[in-house]
Amino acid sequence: MKTMQYLKNVVTLKLNADLCTGCGMCVLVCPHAVFGIANGKARILDIDDCMECGACSNNCRTGAIYVKAGVGCAAGIINGILNGTEPSCDCTKGNKSNCC
């Protein structure tokens, strides 16, 4: 099932395959299934699915992943919680399974 995307071509996510060991932690922690493993290395399946939460980069032991956390969908959710408004990245459209 395809998730709703935040905005096209604005995500700060970067993957340095030379540093990747293929441990798969990024696949496990990403709430939008942005990563997959192919030929023993992580790969980005669809960069525009990234909500820039930072889970992947925070859990990458080798520093192969960079993302400027807090600027995308995750920021919308956190700001909603902090401001007392609806915490939303507008990615559910009535289906909570499509979002974090």
PDB file of N, CA and C in Angstrom:
ATOM      1  N   MET A   1       0.840  -1.182   0.000  1.00  0.00           N
ATOM      2  CA  MET A   1       0.000   0.000   0.000  1.00  0.00           C
ATOM      3  C   MET A   1       0.887   1.249   0.000  1.00  0.00           C
ATOM      4  N   LYS A   2       0.647   2.137  -0.888  1.00  0.00           N
ATOM      5  CA  LYS A   2       1.419   3.370  -1.019  1.00  0.00           C
ATOM      6  C   LYS A   2       0.978   4.375   0.036  1.00  0.00           C
ATOM      7  N   THR A   3       1.960   4.996   0.701  1.00  0.00           N
ATOM      8  CA  THR A   3       1.642   6.023   1.687  1.00  0.00           C
ATOM      9  C   THR A   3       1.482   7.369   1.007  1.00  0.00           C
ATOM     10  N   MET A   4       0.822   8.259   1.684  1.00  0.00           N
ATOM     11  CA  MET A   4       0.740   9.632   1.191  1.00  0.00           C
ATOM     12  C   MET A   4       2.117  10.263   1.359  1.00  0.00           C
ATOM     13  N   GLN A   5       2.477  11.129   0.477  1.00  0.00           N
ATOM     14  CA  GLN A   5       3.783  11.761   0.538  1.00  0.00           C
ATOM     15  C   GLN A   5       3.653  13.200   0.982  1.00  0.00           C
ATOM     16  N   TYR A   6       4.694  13.683   1.662  1.00  0.00           N
ATOM     17  CA  TYR A   6       4.708  15.039   2.196  1.00  0.00           C
ATOM     18  C   TYR A   6       4.759  16.047   1.046  1.00  0.00           C
ATOM     19  N   LEU A   7       5.884  16.215   0.436  1.00  0.00           N
ATOM     20  CA  LEU A   7       6.071  17.066  -0.745  1.00  0.00           C
ATOM     21  C   LEU A   7       7.087  16.382  -1.647  1.00  0.00           C
ATOM     22  N   LYS A   8       6.965  16.539  -2.915  1.00  0.00           N
ATOM     23  CA  LYS A   8       7.904  15.930  -3.862  1.00  0.00           C
ATOM     24  C   LYS A   8       9.209  16.725  -3.932  1.00  0.00           C
ATOM     25  N   ASN A   9      10.302  16.001  -4.008  1.00  0.00           N
ATOM     26  CA  ASN A   9      11.634  16.547  -4.278  1.00  0.00           C
ATOM     27  C   ASN A   9      12.125  17.583  -3.263  1.00  0.00           C
ATOM     28  N   VAL A  10      11.769  17.435  -2.000  1.00  0.00           N
ATOM     29  CA  VAL A  10      12.258  18.369  -0.989  1.00  0.00           C
ATOM     30  C   VAL A  10      12.936  17.675   0.189  1.00  0.00           C
ATOM     31  N   VAL A  11      12.914  16.370   0.224  1.00  0.00           N
ATOM     32  CA  VAL A  11      13.435  15.612   1.356  1.00  0.00           C
ATOM     33  C   VAL A  11      14.952  15.740   1.450  1.00  0.00           C
ATOM     34  N   THR A  12      15.457  15.877   2.670  1.00  0.00           N
ATOM     35  CA  THR A  12      16.891  16.042   2.903  1.00  0.00           C
ATOM     36  C   THR A  12      17.630  14.712   3.059  1.00  0.00           C
ATOM     37  N   LEU A  13      16.948  13.597   2.934  1.00  0.00           N
ATOM     38  CA  LEU A  13      17.522  12.267   3.142  1.00  0.00           C
ATOM     39  C   LEU A  13      18.635  11.969   2.143  1.00  0.00           C
ATOM     40  N   LYS A  14      19.758  11.471   2.677  1.00  0.00           N
ATOM     41  CA  LYS A  14      20.898  11.062   1.856  1.00  0.00           C
ATOM     42  C   LYS A  14      21.409   9.724   2.377  1.00  0.00           C
ATOM     43  N   LEU A  15      21.817   8.856   1.479  1.00  0.00           N
ATOM     44  CA  LEU A  15      22.382   7.557   1.835  1.00  0.00           C
ATOM     45  C   LEU A  15      23.730   7.402   1.148  1.00  0.00           C
ATOM     46  N   ASN A  16      24.765   7.130   1.937  1.00  0.00           N
ATOM     47  CA  ASN A  16      26.100   6.868   1.409  1.00  0.00           C
ATOM     48  C   ASN A  16      26.294   5.354   1.417  1.00  0.00           C
ATOM     49  N   ALA A  17      26.069   4.722   0.284  1.00  0.00           N
ATOM     50  CA  ALA A  17      26.145   3.263   0.189  1.00  0.00           C
ATOM     51  C   ALA A  17      27.541   2.731   0.509  1.00  0.00           C
ATOM     52  N   ASP A  18      28.571   3.554   0.319  1.00  0.00           N
ATOM     53  CA  ASP A  18      29.934   3.113   0.637  1.00  0.00           C
ATOM     54  C   ASP A  18      30.113   2.871   2.128  1.00  0.00           C
ATOM     55  N   LEU A  19      29.377   3.601   2.956  1.00  0.00           N
ATOM     56  CA  LEU A  19      29.472   3.425   4.409  1.00  0.00           C
ATOM     57  C   LEU A  19      28.514   2.367   4.949  1.00  0.00           C
ATOM     58  N   CYS A  20      27.541   1.975   4.159  1.00  0.00           N
ATOM     59  CA  CYS A  20      26.505   1.040   4.597  1.00  0.00           C
ATOM     60  C   CYS A  20      27.061  -0.371   4.738  1.00  0.00           C
ATOM     61  N   THR A  21      26.707  -1.029   5.859  1.00  0.00           N
ATOM     62  CA  THR A  21      27.100  -2.421   6.091  1.00  0.00           C
ATOM     63  C   THR A  21      25.953  -3.389   5.828  1.00  0.00           C
ATOM     64  N   GLY A  22      24.773  -2.868   5.527  1.00  0.00           N
ATOM     65  CA  GLY A  22      23.630  -3.723   5.242  1.00  0.00           C
ATOM     66  C   GLY A  22      22.989  -4.333   6.476  1.00  0.00           C
ATOM     67  N   CYS A  23      23.148  -3.694   7.626  1.00  0.00           N
ATOM     68  CA  CYS A  23      22.604  -4.247   8.876  1.00  0.00           C
ATOM     69  C   CYS A  23      21.076  -4.280   8.885  1.00  0.00           C
ATOM     70  N   GLY A  24      20.422  -3.407   8.122  1.00  0.00           N
ATOM     71  CA  GLY A  24      18.972  -3.395   8.029  1.00  0.00           C
ATOM     72  C   GLY A  24      18.253  -2.606   9.105  1.00  0.00           C
ATOM     73  N   MET A  25      18.987  -1.935   9.973  1.00  0.00           N
ATOM     74  CA  MET A  25      18.345  -1.164  11.035  1.00  0.00           C
ATOM     75  C   MET A  25      17.446  -0.069  10.464  1.00  0.00           C
ATOM     76  N   CYS A  26      17.855   0.563   9.386  1.00  0.00           N
ATOM     77  CA  CYS A  26      17.038   1.610   8.768  1.00  0.00           C
ATOM     78  C   CYS A  26      15.692   1.051   8.310  1.00  0.00           C
ATOM     79  N   VAL A  27      15.705  -0.160   7.798  1.00  0.00           N
ATOM     80  CA  VAL A  27      14.474  -0.811   7.353  1.00  0.00           C
ATOM     81  C   VAL A  27      13.550  -1.045   8.545  1.00  0.00           C
ATOM     82  N   LEU A  28      14.132  -1.457   9.667  1.00  0.00           N
ATOM     83  CA  LEU A  28      13.344  -1.757  10.865  1.00  0.00           C
ATOM     84  C   LEU A  28      12.727  -0.519  11.510  1.00  0.00           C
ATOM     85  N   VAL A  29      13.442   0.599  11.521  1.00  0.00           N
ATOM     86  CA  VAL A  29      12.971   1.769  12.275  1.00  0.00           C
ATOM     87  C   VAL A  29      12.187   2.777  11.455  1.00  0.00           C
ATOM     88  N   CYS A  30      12.218   2.702  10.150  1.00  0.00           N
ATOM     89  CA  CYS A  30      11.537   3.696   9.320  1.00  0.00           C
ATOM     90  C   CYS A  30      10.026   3.468   9.332  1.00  0.00           C
ATOM     91  N   PRO A  31       9.248   4.463   9.798  1.00  0.00           N
ATOM     92  CA  PRO A  31       7.793   4.290   9.868  1.00  0.00           C
ATOM     93  C   PRO A  31       7.087   4.332   8.516  1.00  0.00           C
ATOM     94  N   HIS A  32       7.761   4.770   7.478  1.00  0.00           N
ATOM     95  CA  HIS A  32       7.136   4.845   6.153  1.00  0.00           C
ATOM     96  C   HIS A  32       7.781   3.913   5.132  1.00  0.00           C
ATOM     97  N   ALA A  33       8.565   2.956   5.594  1.00  0.00           N
ATOM     98  CA  ALA A  33       9.178   1.937   4.724  1.00  0.00           C
ATOM     99  C   ALA A  33       9.927   2.549   3.544  1.00  0.00           C
ATOM    100  N   VAL A  34      10.756   3.527   3.835  1.00  0.00           N
ATOM    101  CA  VAL A  34      11.530   4.212   2.802  1.00  0.00           C
ATOM    102  C   VAL A  34      12.700   3.353   2.319  1.00  0.00           C
ATOM    103  N   PHE A  35      13.203   2.467   3.177  1.00  0.00           N
ATOM    104  CA  PHE A  35      14.406   1.700   2.869  1.00  0.00           C
ATOM    105  C   PHE A  35      14.124   0.240   2.563  1.00  0.00           C
ATOM    106  N   GLY A  36      15.000  -0.335   1.776  1.00  0.00           N
ATOM    107  CA  GLY A  36      15.032  -1.761   1.512  1.00  0.00           C
ATOM    108  C   GLY A  36      16.490  -2.192   1.491  1.00  0.00           C
ATOM    109  N   ILE A  37      16.731  -3.481   1.438  1.00  0.00           N
ATOM    110  CA  ILE A  37      18.090  -4.006   1.339  1.00  0.00           C
ATOM    111  C   ILE A  37      18.206  -4.740   0.008  1.00  0.00           C
ATOM    112  N   ALA A  38      19.239  -4.415  -0.735  1.00  0.00           N
ATOM    113  CA  ALA A  38      19.516  -5.089  -2.005  1.00  0.00           C
ATOM    114  C   ALA A  38      21.017  -5.286  -2.134  1.00  0.00           C
ATOM    115  N   ASN A  39      21.417  -6.472  -2.504  1.00  0.00           N
ATOM    116  CA  ASN A  39      22.842  -6.787  -2.671  1.00  0.00           C
ATOM    117  C   ASN A  39      23.654  -6.442  -1.434  1.00  0.00           C
ATOM    118  N   GLY A  40      23.087  -6.680  -0.248  1.00  0.00           N
ATOM    119  CA  GLY A  40      23.805  -6.479   0.999  1.00  0.00           C
ATOM    120  C   GLY A  40      23.958  -5.035   1.445  1.00  0.00           C
ATOM    121  N   LYS A  41      23.231  -4.124   0.827  1.00  0.00           N
ATOM    122  CA  LYS A  41      23.311  -2.700   1.172  1.00  0.00           C
ATOM    123  C   LYS A  41      21.907  -2.112   1.258  1.00  0.00           C
ATOM    124  N   ALA A  42      21.768  -1.083   2.083  1.00  0.00           N
ATOM    125  CA  ALA A  42      20.498  -0.367   2.138  1.00  0.00           C
ATOM    126  C   ALA A  42      20.316   0.407   0.844  1.00  0.00           C
ATOM    127  N   ARG A  43      19.067   0.594   0.490  1.00  0.00           N
ATOM    128  CA  ARG A  43      18.756   1.445  -0.653  1.00  0.00           C
ATOM    129  C   ARG A  43      17.462   2.180  -0.344  1.00  0.00           C
ATOM    130  N   ILE A  44      17.308   3.338  -0.931  1.00  0.00           N
ATOM    131  CA  ILE A  44      16.105   4.144  -0.748  1.00  0.00           C
ATOM    132  C   ILE A  44      15.096   3.699  -1.795  1.00  0.00           C
ATOM    133  N   LEU A  45      13.928   3.251  -1.320  1.00  0.00           N
ATOM    134  CA  LEU A  45      12.890   2.770  -2.231  1.00  0.00           C
ATOM    135  C   LEU A  45      12.127   3.924  -2.867  1.00  0.00           C
ATOM    136  N   ASP A  46      11.714   4.893  -2.052  1.00  0.00           N
ATOM    137  CA  ASP A  46      11.044   6.088  -2.562  1.00  0.00           C
ATOM    138  C   ASP A  46      11.334   7.236  -1.608  1.00  0.00           C
ATOM    139  N   ILE A  47      12.236   8.085  -1.983  1.00  0.00           N
ATOM    140  CA  ILE A  47      12.689   9.173  -1.115  1.00  0.00           C
ATOM    141  C   ILE A  47      11.549  10.105  -0.707  1.00  0.00           C
ATOM    142  N   ASP A  48      10.562  10.266  -1.563  1.00  0.00           N
ATOM    143  CA  ASP A  48       9.459  11.170  -1.254  1.00  0.00           C
ATOM    144  C   ASP A  48       8.516  10.625  -0.185  1.00  0.00           C
ATOM    145  N   ASP A  49       8.676   9.358   0.205  1.00  0.00           N
ATOM    146  CA  ASP A  49       7.895   8.795   1.315  1.00  0.00           C
ATOM    147  C   ASP A  49       8.469   9.213   2.669  1.00  0.00           C
ATOM    148  N   CYS A  50       9.686   9.719   2.687  1.00  0.00           N
ATOM    149  CA  CYS A  50      10.362  10.094   3.934  1.00  0.00           C
ATOM    150  C   CYS A  50       9.658  11.271   4.604  1.00  0.00           C
ATOM    151  N   MET A  51       9.401  11.138   5.918  1.00  0.00           N
ATOM    152  CA  MET A  51       8.788  12.225   6.676  1.00  0.00           C
ATOM    153  C   MET A  51       9.820  12.956   7.532  1.00  0.00           C
ATOM    154  N   GLU A  52      11.083  12.629   7.338  1.00  0.00           N
ATOM    155  CA  GLU A  52      12.213  13.297   7.982  1.00  0.00           C
ATOM    156  C   GLU A  52      12.146  13.254   9.510  1.00  0.00           C
ATOM    157  N   CYS A  53      11.788  12.091  10.042  1.00  0.00           N
ATOM    158  CA  CYS A  53      11.718  11.944  11.498  1.00  0.00           C
ATOM    159  C   CYS A  53      13.096  11.751  12.115  1.00  0.00           C
ATOM    160  N   GLY A  54      14.053  11.223  11.365  1.00  0.00           N
ATOM    161  CA  GLY A  54      15.410  11.038  11.854  1.00  0.00           C
ATOM    162  C   GLY A  54      15.688   9.673  12.440  1.00  0.00           C
ATOM    163  N   ALA A  55      14.707   8.783  12.485  1.00  0.00           N
ATOM    164  CA  ALA A  55      14.912   7.461  13.074  1.00  0.00           C
ATOM    165  C   ALA A  55      16.025   6.698  12.369  1.00  0.00           C
ATOM    166  N   CYS A  56      16.079   6.788  11.061  1.00  0.00           N
ATOM    167  CA  CYS A  56      17.096   6.056  10.301  1.00  0.00           C
ATOM    168  C   CYS A  56      18.507   6.540  10.628  1.00  0.00           C
ATOM    169  N   SER A  57      18.709   7.838  10.579  1.00  0.00           N
ATOM    170  CA  SER A  57      20.054   8.368  10.832  1.00  0.00           C
ATOM    171  C   SER A  57      20.468   8.185  12.288  1.00  0.00           C
ATOM    172  N   ASN A  58      19.521   8.285  13.208  1.00  0.00           N
ATOM    173  CA  ASN A  58      19.834   8.087  14.628  1.00  0.00           C
ATOM    174  C   ASN A  58      20.208   6.644  14.939  1.00  0.00           C
ATOM    175  N   ASN A  59      19.779   5.715  14.118  1.00  0.00           N
ATOM    176  CA  ASN A  59      20.045   4.299  14.365  1.00  0.00           C
ATOM    177  C   ASN A  59      21.073   3.694  13.422  1.00  0.00           C
ATOM    178  N   CYS A  60      21.663   4.499  12.559  1.00  0.00           N
ATOM    179  CA  CYS A  60      22.687   4.000  11.643  1.00  0.00           C
ATOM    180  C   CYS A  60      24.046   4.061  12.332  1.00  0.00           C
ATOM    181  N   ARG A  61      24.593   2.896  12.642  1.00  0.00           N
ATOM    182  CA  ARG A  61      25.862   2.812  13.377  1.00  0.00           C
ATOM    183  C   ARG A  61      27.059   3.309  12.583  1.00  0.00           C
ATOM    184  N   THR A  62      26.960   3.314  11.261  1.00  0.00           N
ATOM    185  CA  THR A  62      28.109   3.674  10.434  1.00  0.00           C
ATOM    186  C   THR A  62      28.039   5.091   9.886  1.00  0.00           C
ATOM    187  N   GLY A  63      26.944   5.791  10.148  1.00  0.00           N
ATOM    188  CA  GLY A  63      26.808   7.154   9.642  1.00  0.00           C
ATOM    189  C   GLY A  63      26.515   7.214   8.152  1.00  0.00           C
ATOM    190  N   ALA A  64      25.959   6.141   7.601  1.00  0.00           N
ATOM    191  CA  ALA A  64      25.683   6.085   6.167  1.00  0.00           C
ATOM    192  C   ALA A  64      24.456   6.901   5.776  1.00  0.00           C
ATOM    193  N   ILE A  65      23.628   7.268   6.764  1.00  0.00           N
ATOM    194  CA  ILE A  65      22.374   7.970   6.473  1.00  0.00           C
ATOM    195  C   ILE A  65      22.381   9.346   7.110  1.00  0.00           C
ATOM    196  N   TYR A  66      21.980  10.329   6.330  1.00  0.00           N
ATOM    197  CA  TYR A  66      21.817  11.692   6.827  1.00  0.00           C
ATOM    198  C   TYR A  66      20.413  12.166   6.483  1.00  0.00           C
ATOM    199  N   VAL A  67      19.767  12.806   7.430  1.00  0.00           N
ATOM    200  CA  VAL A  67      18.502  13.489   7.177  1.00  0.00           C
ATOM    201  C   VAL A  67      18.406  14.639   8.173  1.00  0.00           C
ATOM    202  N   LYS A  68      17.947  15.754   7.695  1.00  0.00           N
ATOM    203  CA  LYS A  68      17.737  16.906   8.571  1.00  0.00           C
ATOM    204  C   LYS A  68      16.395  16.703   9.272  1.00  0.00           C
ATOM    205  N   ALA A  69      16.439  16.079  10.432  1.00  0.00           N
ATOM    206  CA  ALA A  69      15.219  15.733  11.164  1.00  0.00           C
ATOM    207  C   ALA A  69      14.489  16.979  11.635  1.00  0.00           C
ATOM    208  N   GLY A  70      13.165  16.878  11.644  1.00  0.00           N
ATOM    209  CA  GLY A  70      12.347  17.956  12.181  1.00  0.00           C
ATOM    210  C   GLY A  70      11.899  18.978  11.169  1.00  0.00           C
ATOM    211  N   VAL A  71      12.092  18.713   9.898  1.00  0.00           N
ATOM    212  CA  VAL A  71      11.677  19.691   8.898  1.00  0.00           C
ATOM    213  C   VAL A  71      10.497  19.209   8.060  1.00  0.00           C
ATOM    214  N   GLY A  72      10.118  17.954   8.192  1.00  0.00           N
ATOM    215  CA  GLY A  72       9.057  17.411   7.352  1.00  0.00           C
ATOM    216  C   GLY A  72       7.811  17.050   8.125  1.00  0.00           C
ATOM    217  N   CYS A  73       7.240  15.934   7.771  1.00  0.00           N
ATOM    218  CA  CYS A  73       5.994  15.449   8.344  1.00  0.00           C
ATOM    219  C   CYS A  73       6.097  15.286   9.855  1.00  0.00           C
ATOM    220  N   ALA A  74       7.203  14.746  10.323  1.00  0.00           N
ATOM    221  CA  ALA A  74       7.367  14.555  11.762  1.00  0.00           C
ATOM    222  C   ALA A  74       7.290  15.884  12.492  1.00  0.00           C
ATOM    223  N   ALA A  75       7.826  16.935  11.883  1.00  0.00           N
ATOM    224  CA  ALA A  75       7.762  18.259  12.511  1.00  0.00           C
ATOM    225  C   ALA A  75       6.322  18.724  12.648  1.00  0.00           C
ATOM    226  N   GLY A  76       5.488  18.432  11.661  1.00  0.00           N
ATOM    227  CA  GLY A  76       4.078  18.802  11.732  1.00  0.00           C
ATOM    228  C   GLY A  76       3.375  18.126  12.896  1.00  0.00           C
ATOM    229  N   ILE A  77       3.696  16.875  13.122  1.00  0.00           N
ATOM    230  CA  ILE A  77       3.097  16.139  14.235  1.00  0.00           C
ATOM    231  C   ILE A  77       3.583  16.696  15.575  1.00  0.00           C
ATOM    232  N   ILE A  78       4.879  16.874  15.704  1.00  0.00           N
ATOM    233  CA  ILE A  78       5.446  17.381  16.962  1.00  0.00           C
ATOM    234  C   ILE A  78       4.953  18.788  17.250  1.00  0.00           C
ATOM    235  N   ASN A  79       4.937  19.650  16.244  1.00  0.00           N
ATOM    236  CA  ASN A  79       4.455  21.018  16.446  1.00  0.00           C
ATOM    237  C   ASN A  79       2.991  21.038  16.858  1.00  0.00           C
ATOM    238  N   GLY A  80       2.182  20.162  16.308  1.00  0.00           N
ATOM    239  CA  GLY A  80       0.784  20.068  16.699  1.00  0.00           C
ATOM    240  C   GLY A  80       0.637  19.700  18.164  1.00  0.00           C
ATOM    241  N   ILE A  81       1.442  18.754  18.603  1.00  0.00           N
ATOM    242  CA  ILE A  81       1.407  18.338  20.006  1.00  0.00           C
ATOM    243  C   ILE A  81       1.852  19.490  20.904  1.00  0.00           C
ATOM    244  N   LEU A  82       2.933  20.141  20.545  1.00  0.00           N
ATOM    245  CA  LEU A  82       3.465  21.237  21.367  1.00  0.00           C
ATOM    246  C   LEU A  82       2.551  22.456  21.407  1.00  0.00           C
ATOM    247  N   ASN A  83       1.851  22.710  20.303  1.00  0.00           N
ATOM    248  CA  ASN A  83       0.983  23.882  20.215  1.00  0.00           C
ATOM    249  C   ASN A  83      -0.461  23.611  20.615  1.00  0.00           C
ATOM    250  N   GLY A  84      -0.762  22.370  20.950  1.00  0.00           N
ATOM    251  CA  GLY A  84      -2.115  22.031  21.352  1.00  0.00           C
ATOM    252  C   GLY A  84      -3.095  21.965  20.190  1.00  0.00           C
ATOM    253  N   THR A  85      -2.583  21.842  18.976  1.00  0.00           N
ATOM    254  CA  THR A  85      -3.452  21.697  17.806  1.00  0.00           C
ATOM    255  C   THR A  85      -3.434  20.245  17.361  1.00  0.00           C
ATOM    256  N   GLU A  86      -4.180  19.932  16.350  1.00  0.00           N
ATOM    257  CA  GLU A  86      -4.229  18.562  15.855  1.00  0.00           C
ATOM    258  C   GLU A  86      -2.848  18.137  15.361  1.00  0.00           C
ATOM    259  N   PRO A  87      -2.252  17.099  15.972  1.00  0.00           N
ATOM    260  CA  PRO A  87      -0.943  16.627  15.514  1.00  0.00           C
ATOM    261  C   PRO A  87      -1.098  15.837  14.220  1.00  0.00           C
ATOM    262  N   SER A  88      -0.760  16.462  13.115  1.00  0.00           N
ATOM    263  CA  SER A  88      -1.001  15.810  11.833  1.00  0.00           C
ATOM    264  C   SER A  88       0.026  16.230  10.793  1.00  0.00           C
ATOM    265  N   CYS A  89       0.367  15.281   9.959  1.00  0.00           N
ATOM    266  CA  CYS A  89       1.176  15.575   8.782  1.00  0.00           C
ATOM    267  C   CYS A  89       0.300  15.485   7.546  1.00  0.00           C
ATOM    268  N   ASP A  90      -0.999  15.313   7.776  1.00  0.00           N
ATOM    269  CA  ASP A  90      -1.990  15.208   6.714  1.00  0.00           C
ATOM    270  C   ASP A  90      -1.703  14.039   5.790  1.00  0.00           C
ATOM    271  N   CYS A  91      -1.154  12.965   6.361  1.00  0.00           N
ATOM    272  CA  CYS A  91      -0.855  11.810   5.520  1.00  0.00           C
ATOM    273  C   CYS A  91      -1.833  10.674   5.747  1.00  0.00           C
ATOM    274  N   THR A  92      -2.828  10.854   6.595  1.00  0.00           N
ATOM    275  CA  THR A  92      -3.744   9.751   6.868  1.00  0.00           C
ATOM    276  C   THR A  92      -4.969   9.765   5.987  1.00  0.00           C
ATOM    277  N   LYS A  93      -5.537  10.917   5.728  1.00  0.00           N
ATOM    278  CA  LYS A  93      -6.753  11.018   4.934  1.00  0.00           C
ATOM    279  C   LYS A  93      -7.777   9.977   5.378  1.00  0.00           C
ATOM    280  N   GLY A  94      -7.950   9.869   6.726  1.00  0.00           N
ATOM    281  CA  GLY A  94      -8.927   8.958   7.274  1.00  0.00           C
ATOM    282  C   GLY A  94      -8.442   7.538   7.474  1.00  0.00           C
ATOM    283  N   ASN A  95      -7.211   7.236   7.098  1.00  0.00           N
ATOM    284  CA  ASN A  95      -6.672   5.892   7.268  1.00  0.00           C
ATOM    285  C   ASN A  95      -5.415   5.966   8.097  1.00  0.00           C
ATOM    286  N   LYS A  96      -5.526   5.759   9.391  1.00  0.00           N
ATOM    287  CA  LYS A  96      -4.404   5.930  10.316  1.00  0.00           C
ATOM    288  C   LYS A  96      -3.232   4.992  10.009  1.00  0.00           C
ATOM    289  N   SER A  97      -3.456   3.913   9.294  1.00  0.00           N
ATOM    290  CA  SER A  97      -2.366   2.983   9.003  1.00  0.00           C
ATOM    291  C   SER A  97      -1.346   3.549   8.024  1.00  0.00           C
ATOM    292  N   ASN A  98      -1.669   4.632   7.333  1.00  0.00           N
ATOM    293  CA  ASN A  98      -0.750   5.209   6.370  1.00  0.00           C
ATOM    294  C   ASN A  98       0.220   6.199   6.990  1.00  0.00           C
ATOM    295  N   CYS A  99       0.106   6.468   8.249  1.00  0.00           N
ATOM    296  CA  CYS A  99       0.927   7.493   8.873  1.00  0.00           C
ATOM    297  C   CYS A  99       1.661   6.923  10.066  1.00  0.00           C
ATOM    298  N   CYS A 100       2.466   7.765  10.649  1.00  0.00           N
ATOM    299  CA  CYS A 100       3.220   7.371  11.811  1.00  0.00           C
ATOM    300  C   CYS A 100       2.283   7.211  12.976  1.00  0.00           C
TER     301      CYS A 100
END
